[in-house]
N, C-alpha and C. Protein backbone atom coordinates (compact mmCIF):
# COMPACT_ATOMS: atom_id res chain seq x y z
N MET A 1 45.30 108.95 63.49
CA MET A 1 44.26 108.47 64.39
C MET A 1 43.15 107.84 63.55
N GLU A 2 42.67 106.69 63.98
CA GLU A 2 41.61 106.00 63.28
C GLU A 2 40.27 106.66 63.58
N LYS A 3 39.43 106.81 62.56
CA LYS A 3 38.11 107.41 62.74
C LYS A 3 37.20 106.44 63.49
N GLU A 4 36.58 106.93 64.55
CA GLU A 4 35.64 106.10 65.30
C GLU A 4 34.26 106.20 64.66
N PHE A 5 33.54 105.12 64.67
CA PHE A 5 32.19 105.12 64.14
C PHE A 5 31.37 104.08 64.90
N GLU A 6 30.06 104.25 64.81
CA GLU A 6 29.16 103.29 65.42
C GLU A 6 28.43 102.56 64.32
N LEU A 7 28.04 101.33 64.60
CA LEU A 7 27.36 100.50 63.62
C LEU A 7 25.86 100.53 63.83
N LEU A 8 25.12 100.38 62.76
CA LEU A 8 23.67 100.27 62.79
C LEU A 8 23.31 98.90 62.24
N PHE A 9 22.55 98.12 63.02
CA PHE A 9 22.08 96.83 62.53
C PHE A 9 20.84 97.09 61.69
N ALA A 10 20.95 96.93 60.39
CA ALA A 10 19.84 97.20 59.48
C ALA A 10 19.14 95.90 59.13
N TYR A 11 17.84 95.87 59.29
CA TYR A 11 17.05 94.68 58.97
C TYR A 11 15.79 95.14 58.27
N GLY A 12 15.06 94.20 57.72
CA GLY A 12 13.81 94.55 57.06
C GLY A 12 14.05 95.50 55.90
N THR A 13 13.24 96.56 55.82
CA THR A 13 13.31 97.46 54.67
C THR A 13 14.62 98.24 54.62
N LEU A 14 15.31 98.39 55.75
CA LEU A 14 16.59 99.10 55.72
C LEU A 14 17.66 98.33 54.95
N GLN A 15 17.38 97.09 54.57
CA GLN A 15 18.31 96.34 53.73
C GLN A 15 18.12 96.68 52.25
N SER A 16 17.04 97.38 51.92
CA SER A 16 16.75 97.76 50.55
C SER A 16 17.55 99.01 50.16
N GLU A 17 18.25 98.93 49.04
CA GLU A 17 19.03 100.09 48.58
C GLU A 17 18.15 101.31 48.36
N VAL A 18 16.95 101.12 47.81
CA VAL A 18 16.02 102.23 47.56
C VAL A 18 15.66 102.92 48.88
N VAL A 19 15.38 102.14 49.91
CA VAL A 19 15.03 102.71 51.22
C VAL A 19 16.24 103.38 51.85
N GLN A 20 17.42 102.79 51.71
CA GLN A 20 18.63 103.41 52.25
C GLN A 20 18.87 104.77 51.61
N LEU A 21 18.73 104.86 50.29
CA LEU A 21 18.93 106.13 49.59
C LEU A 21 17.89 107.15 50.04
N SER A 22 16.64 106.72 50.20
CA SER A 22 15.57 107.62 50.63
C SER A 22 15.77 108.08 52.07
N THR A 23 16.21 107.20 52.95
CA THR A 23 16.35 107.50 54.38
C THR A 23 17.66 108.21 54.71
N PHE A 24 18.76 107.71 54.18
CA PHE A 24 20.09 108.20 54.55
C PHE A 24 20.78 109.02 53.45
N GLY A 25 20.22 108.99 52.24
CA GLY A 25 20.83 109.70 51.13
C GLY A 25 22.05 109.00 50.56
N ARG A 26 22.26 107.77 50.96
CA ARG A 26 23.39 106.99 50.46
C ARG A 26 23.11 105.52 50.72
N ARG A 27 23.88 104.66 50.04
CA ARG A 27 23.79 103.22 50.25
C ARG A 27 24.66 102.87 51.46
N LEU A 28 24.13 102.03 52.34
CA LEU A 28 24.90 101.61 53.51
C LEU A 28 25.89 100.51 53.12
N ASP A 29 27.08 100.58 53.69
CA ASP A 29 28.06 99.51 53.51
C ASP A 29 27.99 98.62 54.74
N GLY A 30 28.03 97.33 54.54
CA GLY A 30 27.94 96.45 55.70
C GLY A 30 28.23 95.01 55.35
N ILE A 31 28.01 94.17 56.33
CA ILE A 31 28.19 92.74 56.18
C ILE A 31 26.92 92.04 56.64
N GLU A 32 26.70 90.84 56.14
CA GLU A 32 25.56 90.06 56.58
C GLU A 32 25.82 89.56 57.99
N ASP A 33 24.82 89.67 58.86
CA ASP A 33 24.97 89.24 60.25
C ASP A 33 23.59 88.88 60.78
N ALA A 34 23.48 88.54 62.03
CA ALA A 34 22.21 88.14 62.64
C ALA A 34 22.20 88.53 64.10
N LEU A 35 21.00 88.73 64.65
CA LEU A 35 20.82 88.93 66.08
C LEU A 35 20.27 87.64 66.66
N VAL A 36 20.92 87.15 67.68
CA VAL A 36 20.50 85.91 68.32
C VAL A 36 19.45 86.24 69.37
N GLY A 37 18.34 85.50 69.38
CA GLY A 37 17.32 85.67 70.41
C GLY A 37 16.20 86.62 70.06
N TYR A 38 16.13 87.10 68.82
CA TYR A 38 15.05 87.98 68.39
C TYR A 38 14.29 87.30 67.26
N ARG A 39 12.97 87.54 67.20
CA ARG A 39 12.14 86.96 66.15
C ARG A 39 11.65 88.07 65.22
N LEU A 40 11.58 87.75 63.95
CA LEU A 40 11.00 88.68 62.98
C LEU A 40 9.54 88.33 62.76
N ARG A 41 8.75 89.35 62.47
CA ARG A 41 7.36 89.12 62.07
C ARG A 41 7.05 90.11 60.96
N ILE A 42 6.02 89.84 60.21
CA ILE A 42 5.61 90.70 59.11
C ILE A 42 4.62 91.74 59.63
N ILE A 43 4.87 93.01 59.31
CA ILE A 43 3.94 94.08 59.65
C ILE A 43 3.54 94.78 58.36
N ARG A 44 2.37 95.42 58.36
CA ARG A 44 1.89 96.15 57.19
C ARG A 44 2.02 97.64 57.47
N ILE A 45 2.62 98.35 56.51
CA ILE A 45 2.78 99.80 56.60
C ILE A 45 1.92 100.41 55.50
N ASP A 46 1.00 101.30 55.88
CA ASP A 46 0.05 101.86 54.93
C ASP A 46 0.45 103.22 54.37
N ASP A 47 1.56 103.78 54.84
CA ASP A 47 2.01 105.08 54.34
C ASP A 47 2.37 104.96 52.85
N GLU A 48 1.64 105.70 51.99
CA GLU A 48 1.81 105.55 50.55
C GLU A 48 3.23 105.88 50.08
N ASP A 49 3.86 106.90 50.66
CA ASP A 49 5.21 107.27 50.27
C ASP A 49 6.21 106.16 50.62
N PHE A 50 6.02 105.58 51.81
CA PHE A 50 6.90 104.49 52.25
C PHE A 50 6.72 103.27 51.35
N VAL A 51 5.48 102.94 51.05
CA VAL A 51 5.20 101.79 50.18
C VAL A 51 5.80 102.03 48.79
N ALA A 52 5.68 103.26 48.28
CA ALA A 52 6.25 103.58 46.96
C ALA A 52 7.77 103.45 46.98
N ALA A 53 8.41 103.92 48.05
CA ALA A 53 9.88 103.86 48.15
C ALA A 53 10.38 102.43 48.32
N SER A 54 9.65 101.64 49.12
CA SER A 54 10.13 100.29 49.42
C SER A 54 9.62 99.24 48.44
N GLY A 55 8.53 99.55 47.75
CA GLY A 55 7.97 98.62 46.79
C GLY A 55 6.99 97.62 47.36
N THR A 56 6.69 97.73 48.66
CA THR A 56 5.74 96.80 49.29
C THR A 56 5.18 97.40 50.58
N ALA A 57 4.00 96.94 50.98
CA ALA A 57 3.42 97.37 52.26
C ALA A 57 3.77 96.41 53.38
N ASP A 58 4.22 95.20 53.05
CA ASP A 58 4.54 94.19 54.06
C ASP A 58 6.04 94.17 54.33
N HIS A 59 6.41 94.31 55.61
CA HIS A 59 7.81 94.44 55.99
C HIS A 59 8.13 93.58 57.21
N ARG A 60 9.36 93.08 57.24
CA ARG A 60 9.82 92.31 58.40
C ARG A 60 10.20 93.29 59.51
N ASN A 61 9.82 92.96 60.74
CA ASN A 61 10.14 93.81 61.88
C ASN A 61 10.42 92.91 63.09
N LEU A 62 11.28 93.38 63.99
CA LEU A 62 11.52 92.65 65.23
C LEU A 62 10.32 92.83 66.14
N GLU A 63 10.01 91.85 66.97
CA GLU A 63 8.81 91.89 67.80
C GLU A 63 8.97 92.79 69.01
N PHE A 64 8.61 94.04 68.87
CA PHE A 64 8.56 95.05 69.92
C PHE A 64 7.51 96.07 69.51
N THR A 65 6.97 96.90 70.45
CA THR A 65 6.11 98.03 70.07
C THR A 65 6.70 99.29 70.66
N GLY A 66 6.44 100.43 70.04
CA GLY A 66 7.13 101.65 70.40
C GLY A 66 8.55 101.50 69.86
N TYR A 67 9.33 102.54 69.87
CA TYR A 67 10.69 102.40 69.36
C TYR A 67 11.69 102.57 70.46
N LYS A 68 12.68 101.73 70.47
CA LYS A 68 13.71 101.74 71.48
C LYS A 68 15.05 101.47 70.80
N ARG A 69 16.07 102.20 71.18
CA ARG A 69 17.40 101.98 70.62
C ARG A 69 18.21 101.15 71.60
N LEU A 70 18.76 100.04 71.12
CA LEU A 70 19.56 99.16 71.95
C LEU A 70 20.92 98.94 71.31
N LEU A 71 21.94 98.82 72.13
CA LEU A 71 23.26 98.40 71.66
C LEU A 71 23.28 96.88 71.81
N VAL A 72 23.44 96.18 70.70
CA VAL A 72 23.38 94.73 70.70
C VAL A 72 24.68 94.15 70.17
N GLN A 73 24.89 92.88 70.47
CA GLN A 73 26.04 92.17 69.90
C GLN A 73 25.51 91.15 68.90
N SER A 74 26.01 91.21 67.68
CA SER A 74 25.56 90.30 66.64
C SER A 74 26.29 88.97 66.75
N ARG A 75 25.86 88.04 65.94
CA ARG A 75 26.46 86.71 65.94
C ARG A 75 27.97 86.78 65.70
N SER A 76 28.41 87.72 64.87
CA SER A 76 29.84 87.84 64.55
C SER A 76 30.64 88.48 65.68
N GLY A 77 29.94 88.99 66.70
CA GLY A 77 30.63 89.61 67.83
C GLY A 77 30.73 91.12 67.73
N LEU A 78 30.24 91.71 66.64
CA LEU A 78 30.25 93.17 66.49
C LEU A 78 29.15 93.79 67.33
N ASN A 79 29.42 94.95 67.90
CA ASN A 79 28.41 95.72 68.61
C ASN A 79 27.81 96.73 67.64
N ALA A 80 26.48 96.84 67.63
CA ALA A 80 25.79 97.75 66.72
C ALA A 80 24.52 98.26 67.38
N TRP A 81 24.10 99.46 66.99
CA TRP A 81 22.82 99.99 67.45
C TRP A 81 21.72 99.40 66.59
N VAL A 82 20.61 99.11 67.20
CA VAL A 82 19.43 98.65 66.48
C VAL A 82 18.23 99.39 67.04
N TYR A 83 17.34 99.82 66.17
CA TYR A 83 16.11 100.47 66.59
C TYR A 83 14.99 99.44 66.52
N LEU A 84 14.34 99.22 67.65
CA LEU A 84 13.32 98.19 67.76
C LEU A 84 11.96 98.81 68.02
N LYS A 85 10.95 98.16 67.51
CA LYS A 85 9.58 98.53 67.84
C LYS A 85 9.16 97.63 69.00
N GLN A 86 8.91 98.23 70.17
CA GLN A 86 8.62 97.45 71.39
C GLN A 86 7.22 96.88 71.39
N ALA A 87 7.05 95.66 71.97
CA ALA A 87 5.73 95.03 72.10
C ALA A 87 5.05 95.50 73.35
């Protein structure tokens, strides 16, 4: 039987190996892809531990506020979960 798994669309700082190791305890395996119809913007994160782990205070984020988990389809046709900050 094939192992079932769900995909996570990682963008912004989650693409950084240092952040992946800090957040998940391992490097994520994946492919380059895109979400159609979403815009990225730069946000500033002032948490010193996060800045130290990621190497910067400025990060790309999708335009939303609050956090919401959505199942999206990427340009390649794969379905993946993405966590968005809602506007």
